[in-house]
Amino acid sequence: MKILTSRQMREMDRRTIEETGIPGCVLMENAGVQVVRQLLRRFPNLGGEEVVIVCGKGNNGGDGLVVARHLANLGANPLILLLSEKAGLKGDAALNLRIAGNMGIPVIEADSPEAWKRQGPKLKKASIIVDAVFGTGLVRAAAGLYARAIEDMNKSRAYKIAVDLPSGLSSDSAEIIGPCVKADLTVALAAPKVAHVFPPAEDCVGELVVAPIGIPSALFTDPGLKLEMAEENGVAPYFRKRRKDTHKGTFGHLLVISGSLGKTGAAALAAKAALKMGAGLVTVATPQSCLSLVARSAAELMTEPLPETSEKTISAEALPRALELLKGKDGVLLGPGLSTHPSTAEFVVSLLPRIGVPAVIDADGLNNIAADRGILKSLKAPAVLTPHPGEFGRLLRASSQEVLARKLELGPAFAREYGVCLVLKGYRTLTCSPEGRVFVNPTGNPGMATGGSGDVLSGMIASIIMREKDVPGAAAAAVYVHGLSGDLGAGDLGERSLTAGDIIRYLPRALKSMETE
């Protein structure tokens, strides 16, 4: 499902009207019908509700006028509060205003702060408020009359449904730019926008329903639309049922280079997650003194000892052995629990340019190259980087706060510059491809904010990219199922007690639910 900017949405409307020949009034009609349809699902007896529709003078207000007409036809008695003179409406909005007048639907002009002061109290009698003031074009904070109307709508105890976007939000920003309606339900028209899916703006949206309004589906295949929400039907092809004539070699042999004294759990979690995700074979290469702990974590794992430092981390002297272990492998995971010991960092920097298979670089694998991220341009095979905001901040020499505020800009730019797939972890994890595509993940829950969850994800991604040509798509699929596993676990156990091991435990159920022919 594509996530559109306001400019992209306007272009969609234009092409639908000019190229396809669907009039704008038909799109407006469809938008209003979809809002009424959602209201009926929640209030089957709309005739018994007091509905006030607050309309602006633009197309969003026109959508609200269509809503009023259909509510009247259903036996309701809608009241329209118009934040404009009637003469200020143009085009399709003006057409629907005339129709409302011809039907006898009351339209009250509240086109100034003084007029609103007289008419605004009518909201107190409403059981439902339809917010149709601003659409996707707002770029600055609502003020004056509009700010007062938004404030009074929020004070009301009525159920509030927003047409396309809660008024006061900017569709292209996750930030709250000023006073905005706090909706119970938002009906996004044609496609979600940035403000619908990213906090803090998302918190004002309430329940989100994306409703079609007649825009041809072919327009959504435009390669210029780079941002999209990952969906089950989009990631399902990565979880096809296995053919009967397969063997363990069919599903790849993964080398996990991971662990140090006190952090063998990271290696074990990543490796076990890779096995559960479907890897045929997994070998964990870890400091010699850590090997027994990793080996005991799962009988199915193979282990290899590597030369170590006095602090029990992988030594730079381990490079020749690691290169030998890479022979015959189909993928490598580098990073969980490695430490940032100088000798270990030297090992990482020396190894990376010599990896010739798909690689996942996580945790300390990333921290060890933060001082020289240019080494990423020497990679010979596809690579997936899986930082959390702090790790990504170290790569960029930026703060975590800046990463979170600008992730839709910084993530794709980094992936393009260094030719890697970037999985920026957190709420609404982003998977950014080198070609500019960005997948937004909808699954997962706060219970997954626990130690080891990222190690599990890195193992899952490494497992799946060994056998898929579309590395960013496969990575996005792994992120989706990682969140789904956490959701299944939280459903049974609750969020508070969820652990990384539980994510692995519920992974089989998640994979089974995704399995396709």
Protein backbone atom coordinates (compact mmCIF):
# COMPACT_ATOMS: atom_id res chain seq x y z
CA MET A 1 0.00 0.00 0.00
CA LYS A 2 1.60 3.25 -1.14
CA ILE A 3 2.00 6.14 1.30
CA LEU A 4 1.57 9.42 -0.56
CA THR A 5 2.67 13.00 -0.08
CA SER A 6 0.22 15.83 -0.70
CA ARG A 7 1.91 16.56 -4.03
CA GLN A 8 1.62 12.92 -5.10
CA MET A 9 -2.04 12.87 -4.06
CA ARG A 10 -2.77 15.98 -6.12
CA GLU A 11 -1.07 14.39 -9.10
CA MET A 12 -3.16 11.25 -8.62
CA ASP A 13 -6.32 13.35 -8.64
CA ARG A 14 -5.18 15.27 -11.72
CA ARG A 15 -4.33 12.18 -13.74
CA THR A 16 -7.58 10.49 -12.74
CA ILE A 17 -9.58 13.51 -13.89
CA GLU A 18 -7.60 14.49 -16.98
CA GLU A 19 -6.25 11.19 -18.28
CA THR A 20 -8.90 8.71 -17.15
CA GLY A 21 -11.84 11.07 -17.55
CA ILE A 22 -13.40 10.58 -14.13
CA PRO A 23 -14.80 13.98 -13.09
CA GLY A 24 -13.68 15.51 -9.82
CA CYS A 25 -17.26 15.57 -8.59
CA VAL A 26 -17.33 11.76 -8.89
CA LEU A 27 -14.20 11.47 -6.73
CA MET A 28 -15.79 13.81 -4.20
CA GLU A 29 -18.98 11.77 -4.25
CA ASN A 30 -17.03 8.56 -3.67
CA ALA A 31 -15.14 10.15 -0.78
CA GLY A 32 -18.33 11.20 0.97
CA VAL A 33 -19.94 7.81 0.43
CA GLN A 34 -16.93 6.07 1.99
CA VAL A 35 -17.15 8.25 5.10
CA VAL A 36 -20.86 7.51 5.47
CA ARG A 37 -20.17 3.81 5.00
CA GLN A 38 -17.72 3.86 7.91
CA LEU A 39 -20.19 5.78 10.06
CA LEU A 40 -22.90 3.21 9.35
CA ARG A 41 -20.62 0.40 10.50
CA ARG A 42 -20.27 2.08 13.87
CA PHE A 43 -23.70 3.71 14.15
CA PRO A 44 -26.27 1.52 12.34
CA ASN A 45 -29.11 3.82 13.43
CA LEU A 46 -27.79 7.15 12.19
CA GLY A 47 -31.29 8.58 12.25
CA GLY A 48 -31.04 8.75 16.03
CA GLU A 49 -27.73 10.63 16.08
CA GLU A 50 -27.09 14.36 16.24
CA VAL A 51 -24.51 14.91 13.50
CA VAL A 52 -22.66 18.20 13.03
CA ILE A 53 -20.40 18.52 9.99
CA VAL A 54 -17.74 21.22 10.19
CA CYS A 55 -16.71 22.17 6.66
CA GLY A 56 -13.97 24.30 5.18
CA LYS A 57 -14.30 25.96 1.79
CA GLY A 58 -12.06 23.57 -0.15
CA ASN A 59 -12.53 20.07 -1.50
CA ASN A 60 -12.37 18.58 2.00
CA GLY A 61 -15.40 20.70 2.86
CA GLY A 62 -17.02 19.49 -0.35
CA ASP A 63 -16.53 15.91 0.85
CA GLY A 64 -18.30 16.89 4.06
CA LEU A 65 -21.23 18.31 2.08
CA VAL A 66 -21.59 14.97 0.29
CA VAL A 67 -21.59 13.26 3.69
CA ALA A 68 -24.43 15.56 4.81
CA ARG A 69 -26.53 14.72 1.76
CA HIS A 70 -26.22 10.98 2.24
CA LEU A 71 -26.94 11.25 5.95
CA ALA A 72 -30.10 13.20 5.14
CA ASN A 73 -31.15 10.48 2.69
CA LEU A 74 -30.68 7.94 5.50
CA GLY A 75 -33.11 9.83 7.71
CA ALA A 76 -30.60 11.76 9.81
CA ASN A 77 -30.76 15.52 10.41
CA PRO A 78 -27.24 16.75 9.72
CA LEU A 79 -26.22 20.29 10.50
CA ILE A 80 -23.41 21.94 8.51
CA LEU A 81 -21.22 24.58 10.10
CA LEU A 82 -19.38 26.26 7.20
CA LEU A 83 -16.17 28.09 8.08
CA SER A 84 -16.61 30.35 5.07
CA GLU A 85 -19.12 32.46 3.26
CA LYS A 86 -21.15 30.30 0.90
CA ALA A 87 -19.90 32.40 -1.98
CA GLY A 88 -16.34 31.38 -1.12
CA LEU A 89 -16.84 27.80 -2.30
CA LYS A 90 -15.77 26.97 -5.85
CA GLY A 91 -16.00 24.09 -8.29
CA ASP A 92 -17.18 20.72 -7.02
CA ALA A 93 -17.53 21.99 -3.46
CA ALA A 94 -19.85 24.75 -4.65
CA LEU A 95 -21.86 22.19 -6.63
CA ASN A 96 -22.44 20.09 -3.53
CA LEU A 97 -23.30 23.17 -1.50
CA ARG A 98 -26.07 23.99 -3.99
CA ILE A 99 -27.38 20.43 -3.79
CA ALA A 100 -27.42 20.56 0.01
CA GLY A 101 -29.36 23.82 -0.14
CA ASN A 102 -31.84 22.39 -2.63
CA MET A 103 -32.43 19.47 -0.26
CA GLY A 104 -33.09 21.79 2.66
CA ILE A 105 -30.05 20.72 4.67
CA PRO A 106 -29.22 23.56 7.08
CA VAL A 107 -25.92 25.25 6.26
CA ILE A 108 -24.83 27.87 8.79
CA GLU A 109 -22.06 30.29 7.91
CA ALA A 110 -19.51 30.62 10.70
CA ASP A 111 -16.93 32.53 8.72
CA SER A 112 -15.35 34.65 11.47
CA PRO A 113 -14.32 34.20 15.09
CA GLU A 114 -17.36 36.20 16.12
CA ALA A 115 -19.71 34.06 14.04
CA TRP A 116 -18.11 30.89 15.38
CA LYS A 117 -18.56 32.13 18.91
CA ARG A 118 -22.31 32.25 18.22
CA GLN A 119 -22.57 28.98 16.29
CA GLY A 120 -19.83 26.83 17.84
CA PRO A 121 -21.90 25.92 20.92
CA LYS A 122 -24.07 23.79 18.61
CA LEU A 123 -21.29 21.21 18.85
CA LYS A 124 -22.33 20.56 22.45
CA LYS A 125 -25.50 18.81 21.26
CA ALA A 126 -23.67 16.63 18.74
CA SER A 127 -23.17 12.91 19.25
CA ILE A 128 -21.09 12.73 16.05
CA ILE A 129 -18.82 15.41 14.58
CA VAL A 130 -17.54 15.10 11.02
CA ASP A 131 -14.30 17.04 10.58
CA ALA A 132 -14.10 18.27 6.96
CA VAL A 133 -12.18 21.51 7.41
CA PHE A 134 -8.73 20.88 5.91
CA GLY A 135 -7.51 18.13 3.63
CA THR A 136 -3.93 17.29 2.73
CA GLY A 137 -2.79 20.76 1.70
CA LEU A 138 -2.14 22.36 5.08
CA VAL A 139 1.49 23.43 5.59
CA ARG A 140 1.32 25.88 8.50
CA ALA A 141 -0.37 25.90 11.88
CA ALA A 142 -4.11 26.56 11.98
CA ALA A 143 -4.87 29.92 13.53
CA GLY A 144 -7.73 32.29 14.27
CA LEU A 145 -11.15 30.94 13.34
CA TYR A 146 -9.76 27.53 12.41
CA ALA A 147 -7.81 27.11 15.64
CA ARG A 148 -10.92 28.00 17.67
CA ALA A 149 -13.07 25.54 15.70
CA ILE A 150 -10.50 22.77 16.21
CA GLU A 151 -10.32 23.54 19.92
CA ASP A 152 -14.09 23.35 20.31
CA MET A 153 -14.33 20.10 18.36
CA ASN A 154 -11.74 18.58 20.68
CA LYS A 155 -13.67 19.76 23.75
CA SER A 156 -16.78 17.94 22.59
CA ARG A 157 -17.47 14.44 23.85
CA ALA A 158 -18.94 13.52 20.47
CA TYR A 159 -17.47 10.77 18.32
CA LYS A 160 -15.18 12.53 15.87
CA ILE A 161 -14.54 11.25 12.35
CA ALA A 162 -12.01 13.05 10.16
CA VAL A 163 -12.33 13.16 6.40
CA ASP A 164 -8.95 12.19 4.93
CA LEU A 165 -6.85 13.83 7.67
CA PRO A 166 -7.58 15.36 11.08
CA SER A 167 -7.70 19.10 10.48
CA GLY A 168 -4.58 20.89 11.66
CA LEU A 169 -2.13 18.13 10.70
CA SER A 170 0.21 18.51 7.75
CA SER A 171 -0.11 15.39 5.64
CA ASP A 172 3.60 15.33 4.78
CA SER A 173 4.91 15.57 8.34
CA ALA A 174 4.91 13.30 11.35
CA GLU A 175 5.21 16.37 13.54
CA ILE A 176 2.21 18.19 14.99
CA ILE A 177 2.52 21.67 13.49
CA GLY A 178 -0.21 23.33 15.55
CA PRO A 179 -3.71 22.77 16.96
CA CYS A 180 -5.31 19.72 15.36
CA VAL A 181 -8.42 17.61 15.70
CA LYS A 182 -7.98 14.48 17.80
CA ALA A 183 -10.14 12.06 15.86
CA ASP A 184 -11.66 8.77 16.92
CA LEU A 185 -11.67 7.60 13.31
CA THR A 186 -9.94 8.90 10.19
CA VAL A 187 -11.01 7.81 6.72
CA ALA A 188 -7.92 8.26 4.54
CA LEU A 189 -8.96 8.78 0.94
CA ALA A 190 -7.25 6.59 -1.69
CA ALA A 191 -4.02 6.06 0.30
CA PRO A 192 -2.46 6.77 3.69
CA LYS A 193 -0.30 9.86 4.07
CA VAL A 194 2.83 10.34 6.20
CA ALA A 195 0.88 11.90 9.09
CA HIS A 196 -1.40 8.85 9.23
CA VAL A 197 1.34 6.37 10.04
CA PHE A 198 4.14 8.07 12.01
CA PRO A 199 4.01 9.48 15.53
CA PRO A 200 3.33 11.92 17.02
CA ALA A 201 0.88 12.96 14.27
CA GLU A 202 -0.43 9.39 14.12
CA ASP A 203 -1.67 9.73 17.68
CA CYS A 204 -4.31 12.23 16.50
CA VAL A 205 -5.66 9.93 13.79
CA GLY A 206 -7.46 7.41 15.98
CA GLU A 207 -8.57 4.33 14.08
CA LEU A 208 -7.37 4.53 10.48
CA VAL A 209 -9.39 3.23 7.54
CA VAL A 210 -8.02 3.61 4.01
CA ALA A 211 -10.91 3.91 1.56
CA PRO A 212 -10.84 3.76 -2.27
CA ILE A 213 -12.45 6.68 -4.10
CA GLY A 214 -12.11 5.50 -7.70
CA ILE A 215 -8.50 6.33 -8.54
CA PRO A 216 -7.33 3.68 -11.06
CA SER A 217 -5.10 1.07 -9.45
CA ALA A 218 -2.60 1.37 -12.30
CA LEU A 219 -1.62 4.82 -11.06
CA PHE A 220 -0.31 3.29 -7.85
CA THR A 221 2.30 1.31 -9.83
CA ASP A 222 4.14 4.51 -10.75
CA PRO A 223 7.83 3.82 -9.95
CA GLY A 224 8.11 7.33 -8.55
CA LEU A 225 6.00 6.30 -5.56
CA LYS A 226 8.78 5.05 -3.31
CA LEU A 227 7.18 4.93 0.14
CA GLU A 228 4.83 2.08 0.98
CA MET A 229 3.35 0.18 3.88
CA ALA A 230 4.36 -3.47 3.97
CA GLU A 231 1.29 -5.69 3.75
CA GLU A 232 0.66 -9.39 4.22
CA ASN A 233 -0.14 -10.03 0.57
CA GLY A 234 3.06 -8.24 -0.45
CA VAL A 235 5.40 -10.26 1.78
CA ALA A 236 3.58 -13.61 1.47
CA PRO A 237 5.50 -14.69 -1.67
CA TYR A 238 8.65 -14.91 0.45
CA PHE A 239 7.04 -17.68 2.50
CA ARG A 240 6.15 -20.18 -0.17
CA LYS A 241 5.67 -23.81 0.79
CA ARG A 242 8.76 -25.91 0.29
CA ARG A 243 9.01 -28.22 -2.69
CA LYS A 244 9.19 -31.93 -1.97
CA ASP A 245 12.57 -32.43 -3.65
CA THR A 246 14.56 -30.12 -1.37
CA HIS A 247 17.33 -30.75 1.15
CA LYS A 248 19.17 -28.71 3.75
CA GLY A 249 21.52 -27.30 1.16
CA THR A 250 18.55 -25.84 -0.69
CA PHE A 251 17.96 -23.37 2.11
CA GLY A 252 21.49 -22.16 2.58
CA HIS A 253 24.35 -22.36 5.04
CA LEU A 254 24.67 -19.24 7.18
CA LEU A 255 27.84 -18.20 8.99
CA VAL A 256 27.19 -16.16 12.14
CA ILE A 257 30.25 -14.28 13.41
CA SER A 258 29.17 -13.13 16.79
CA GLY A 259 29.64 -13.11 20.54
CA SER A 260 32.14 -12.19 23.23
CA LEU A 261 32.50 -12.78 26.95
CA GLY A 262 29.16 -11.88 28.56
CA LYS A 263 27.40 -11.54 25.19
CA THR A 264 27.10 -15.11 24.01
CA GLY A 265 23.33 -14.76 24.30
CA ALA A 266 23.30 -12.42 21.31
CA ALA A 267 25.04 -15.02 19.17
CA ALA A 268 22.70 -17.78 20.35
CA LEU A 269 19.54 -15.75 19.75
CA ALA A 270 20.58 -14.69 16.26
CA ALA A 271 21.60 -18.20 15.26
CA LYS A 272 18.47 -19.88 16.65
CA ALA A 273 16.28 -17.29 14.94
CA ALA A 274 18.03 -18.04 11.64
CA LEU A 275 17.29 -21.74 12.04
CA LYS A 276 13.64 -21.12 12.91
CA MET A 277 13.38 -18.80 9.91
CA GLY A 278 14.31 -21.71 7.69
CA ALA A 279 18.07 -21.72 7.18
CA GLY A 280 19.30 -25.19 6.24
CA LEU A 281 22.51 -24.95 8.25
CA VAL A 282 23.89 -22.41 10.72
CA THR A 283 27.48 -22.23 11.91
CA VAL A 284 28.41 -19.82 14.70
CA ALA A 285 32.00 -18.59 14.76
CA THR A 286 32.74 -17.12 18.17
CA PRO A 287 35.70 -16.54 20.52
CA GLN A 288 37.19 -19.84 21.61
CA SER A 289 36.33 -19.42 25.28
CA CYS A 290 32.70 -18.62 24.40
CA LEU A 291 32.12 -21.61 22.15
CA SER A 292 30.80 -24.02 24.77
CA LEU A 293 28.13 -21.56 25.90
CA VAL A 294 26.88 -21.02 22.36
CA ALA A 295 27.02 -24.73 21.54
CA ARG A 296 24.88 -25.61 24.55
CA SER A 297 22.18 -23.13 23.52
CA ALA A 298 20.89 -25.35 20.68
CA ALA A 299 21.91 -28.82 19.55
CA GLU A 300 21.18 -27.93 15.92
CA LEU A 301 23.88 -25.27 15.76
CA MET A 302 27.38 -25.91 14.48
CA THR A 303 30.16 -23.91 16.12
CA GLU A 304 33.70 -22.86 15.26
CA PRO A 305 36.25 -21.32 17.66
CA LEU A 306 38.08 -18.15 16.65
CA PRO A 307 41.29 -16.68 18.11
CA GLU A 308 40.48 -14.22 20.84
CA THR A 309 41.84 -11.25 22.72
CA SER A 310 42.68 -11.29 26.41
CA GLU A 311 39.20 -9.80 26.99
CA LYS A 312 37.62 -12.85 25.27
CA THR A 313 36.55 -11.02 22.10
CA ILE A 314 37.36 -11.97 18.51
CA SER A 315 40.94 -11.04 17.69
CA ALA A 316 42.29 -9.51 14.47
CA GLU A 317 44.28 -12.75 14.18
CA ALA A 318 40.99 -14.56 13.48
CA LEU A 319 40.80 -13.16 9.94
CA PRO A 320 42.44 -16.11 8.11
CA ARG A 321 40.18 -18.62 9.88
CA ALA A 322 37.08 -16.52 9.22
CA LEU A 323 37.94 -16.38 5.51
CA GLU A 324 38.28 -20.17 5.47
CA LEU A 325 34.88 -20.52 7.15
CA LEU A 326 33.28 -18.25 4.55
CA LYS A 327 34.07 -20.75 1.81
CA GLY A 328 30.93 -22.64 0.84
CA LYS A 329 28.65 -20.39 2.85
CA ASP A 330 25.61 -18.71 1.33
CA GLY A 331 25.37 -15.78 3.72
CA VAL A 332 26.97 -14.19 6.74
CA LEU A 333 25.73 -12.35 9.80
CA LEU A 334 28.32 -10.13 11.46
CA GLY A 335 27.92 -8.19 14.65
CA PRO A 336 25.67 -9.33 17.52
CA GLY A 337 27.63 -9.25 20.77
CA LEU A 338 31.05 -8.71 19.12
CA SER A 339 32.22 -5.81 21.31
CA THR A 340 34.17 -2.76 20.11
CA HIS A 341 37.57 -3.95 21.29
CA PRO A 342 40.25 -2.38 19.01
CA SER A 343 41.45 -5.78 17.82
CA THR A 344 37.88 -6.86 17.11
CA ALA A 345 37.30 -3.63 15.19
CA GLU A 346 40.40 -4.36 13.11
CA PHE A 347 39.01 -7.81 12.37
CA VAL A 348 35.67 -6.37 11.21
CA VAL A 349 37.23 -3.72 8.98
CA SER A 350 39.56 -6.28 7.40
CA LEU A 351 36.82 -8.86 6.83
CA LEU A 352 34.07 -6.73 5.30
CA PRO A 353 35.67 -6.06 1.87
CA ARG A 354 36.39 -9.76 1.47
CA ILE A 355 32.87 -11.06 2.01
CA GLY A 356 31.46 -12.32 -1.28
CA VAL A 357 28.01 -13.48 -0.14
CA PRO A 358 24.93 -11.60 1.09
CA ALA A 359 25.67 -10.15 4.51
CA VAL A 360 23.78 -8.71 7.45
CA ILE A 361 25.76 -6.23 9.56
CA ASP A 362 24.28 -5.54 12.96
CA ALA A 363 25.09 -4.09 16.38
CA ASP A 364 28.84 -3.99 17.01
CA GLY A 365 29.45 -4.83 13.37
CA LEU A 366 28.08 -1.33 12.72
CA ASN A 367 29.70 0.32 15.74
CA ASN A 368 33.11 -0.89 14.59
CA ILE A 369 32.82 0.87 11.22
CA ALA A 370 31.24 4.10 12.49
CA ALA A 371 34.59 5.89 12.22
CA ASP A 372 35.01 4.80 8.59
CA ARG A 373 31.61 4.10 7.08
CA GLY A 374 33.13 4.50 3.61
CA ILE A 375 34.23 0.89 3.88
CA LEU A 376 30.64 -0.03 3.00
CA LYS A 377 31.33 1.02 -0.57
CA SER A 378 33.90 -1.79 -0.84
CA LEU A 379 31.34 -4.54 -0.20
CA LYS A 380 31.22 -7.09 -3.01
CA ALA A 381 27.75 -8.56 -2.38
CA PRO A 382 24.37 -7.28 -1.20
CA ALA A 383 24.37 -6.15 2.41
CA VAL A 384 21.66 -5.35 4.94
CA LEU A 385 22.46 -2.99 7.80
CA THR A 386 20.16 -3.24 10.82
CA PRO A 387 20.83 -0.29 13.16
CA HIS A 388 18.60 1.07 15.88
CA PRO A 389 18.47 4.90 16.00
CA GLY A 390 21.49 5.12 18.30
CA GLU A 391 23.66 2.95 16.04
CA PHE A 392 22.49 4.80 12.95
CA GLY A 393 23.25 8.07 14.69
CA ARG A 394 26.82 6.90 15.27
CA LEU A 395 27.16 6.04 11.58
CA LEU A 396 25.88 9.50 10.63
CA ARG A 397 27.56 11.34 13.53
CA ALA A 398 24.11 12.59 14.50
CA SER A 399 21.95 12.29 17.59
CA SER A 400 19.25 9.68 18.05
CA GLN A 401 16.73 12.52 18.24
CA GLU A 402 17.79 13.82 14.83
CA VAL A 403 17.58 10.31 13.37
CA LEU A 404 14.04 9.87 14.67
CA ALA A 405 12.94 13.31 13.45
CA ARG A 406 14.42 12.88 9.96
CA LYS A 407 14.37 9.14 9.41
CA LEU A 408 12.30 9.34 6.21
CA GLU A 409 15.03 11.54 4.77
CA LEU A 410 18.19 10.10 6.34
CA GLY A 411 17.43 6.38 5.91
CA PRO A 412 16.79 6.36 2.14
CA ALA A 413 19.67 8.79 1.51
CA PHE A 414 22.14 6.54 3.35
CA ALA A 415 20.95 3.42 1.52
CA ARG A 416 21.37 5.15 -1.85
CA GLU A 417 24.78 6.64 -1.06
CA TYR A 418 26.34 3.41 0.18
CA GLY A 419 24.44 0.93 -2.00
CA VAL A 420 23.09 -1.06 0.92
CA CYS A 421 19.72 -2.09 2.27
CA LEU A 422 19.10 -0.26 5.52
CA VAL A 423 16.69 -1.59 8.15
CA LEU A 424 16.20 1.25 10.62
CA LYS A 425 14.65 -0.44 13.65
CA GLY A 426 12.02 0.94 15.98
CA TYR A 427 8.33 1.73 15.87
CA ARG A 428 7.38 1.61 12.17
CA THR A 429 10.71 0.04 11.20
CA LEU A 430 11.90 1.28 7.80
CA THR A 431 13.47 -0.97 5.18
CA CYS A 432 15.26 1.25 2.66
CA SER A 433 16.61 -0.10 -0.62
CA PRO A 434 19.56 1.30 -2.59
CA GLU A 435 17.09 2.22 -5.34
CA GLY A 436 15.07 4.46 -3.03
CA ARG A 437 12.13 2.22 -2.15
CA VAL A 438 11.10 2.41 1.49
CA PHE A 439 8.90 -0.17 3.22
CA VAL A 440 7.17 0.87 6.44
CA ASN A 441 6.46 -2.02 8.80
CA PRO A 442 3.02 -2.15 10.46
CA THR A 443 3.56 -5.12 12.80
CA GLY A 444 5.09 -5.29 16.28
CA ASN A 445 4.31 -3.88 19.71
CA PRO A 446 6.00 -2.17 22.69
CA GLY A 447 6.70 -5.53 24.32
CA MET A 448 9.40 -6.08 21.72
CA ALA A 449 11.45 -3.24 23.21
CA THR A 450 13.57 -5.78 25.07
CA GLY A 451 17.16 -6.99 24.96
CA GLY A 452 17.87 -9.46 22.18
CA SER A 453 14.92 -8.55 19.96
CA GLY A 454 17.29 -6.97 17.43
CA ASP A 455 19.55 -10.03 17.47
CA VAL A 456 16.56 -12.20 16.61
CA LEU A 457 15.69 -9.89 13.71
CA SER A 458 19.22 -9.94 12.32
CA GLY A 459 19.22 -13.74 12.31
CA MET A 460 15.86 -13.83 10.57
CA ILE A 461 16.98 -11.39 7.88
CA ALA A 462 20.25 -13.25 7.29
CA SER A 463 18.35 -16.51 6.95
CA ILE A 464 15.95 -15.25 4.29
CA ILE A 465 18.26 -13.14 2.11
CA MET A 466 20.46 -16.18 1.38
CA ARG A 467 17.78 -17.58 -0.92
CA GLU A 468 16.07 -14.50 -2.35
CA LYS A 469 17.20 -12.27 -5.21
CA ASP A 470 15.21 -9.26 -4.01
CA VAL A 471 17.20 -8.52 -0.87
CA PRO A 472 15.25 -5.40 0.26
CA GLY A 473 11.92 -7.17 -0.30
CA ALA A 474 13.10 -10.22 1.63
CA ALA A 475 14.41 -8.04 4.45
CA ALA A 476 11.05 -6.23 4.66
CA ALA A 477 9.32 -9.61 4.78
CA ALA A 478 11.53 -10.71 7.69
CA VAL A 479 10.80 -7.46 9.53
CA TYR A 480 7.07 -8.02 9.01
CA VAL A 481 7.16 -11.57 10.38
CA HIS A 482 9.41 -10.55 13.27
CA GLY A 483 6.73 -8.07 14.34
CA LEU A 484 3.98 -10.60 13.72
CA SER A 485 5.74 -13.12 15.97
CA GLY A 486 5.94 -10.48 18.67
CA ASP A 487 2.26 -9.68 18.25
CA LEU A 488 1.31 -13.34 18.60
CA GLY A 489 3.49 -13.65 21.70
CA ALA A 490 2.06 -10.48 23.25
CA GLY A 491 -1.44 -11.75 22.53
CA ASP A 492 -0.80 -14.80 24.71
CA LEU A 493 1.68 -13.45 27.24
CA GLY A 494 1.08 -9.72 27.36
CA GLU A 495 3.54 -7.06 26.32
CA ARG A 496 5.25 -6.53 29.66
CA SER A 497 6.69 -10.03 30.00
CA LEU A 498 7.61 -10.58 26.34
CA THR A 499 11.25 -11.58 25.74
CA ALA A 500 13.39 -12.10 22.67
CA GLY A 501 13.19 -15.84 23.21
CA ASP A 502 9.40 -15.60 23.04
CA ILE A 503 9.68 -13.98 19.60
CA ILE A 504 11.57 -17.06 18.41
CA ARG A 505 9.07 -19.33 20.16
CA TYR A 506 6.15 -17.77 18.29
CA LEU A 507 7.97 -17.55 14.97
CA PRO A 508 6.74 -20.97 13.72
CA ARG A 509 3.14 -19.90 14.22
CA ALA A 510 3.79 -16.63 12.39
CA LEU A 511 5.50 -18.41 9.49
CA LYS A 512 2.73 -20.97 9.21
CA SER A 513 0.15 -18.19 8.98
CA MET A 514 2.11 -16.63 6.12
CA GLU A 515 2.76 -19.80 4.15
CA THR A 516 1.52 -19.76 0.54
CA GLU A 517 1.54 -22.16 -2.37
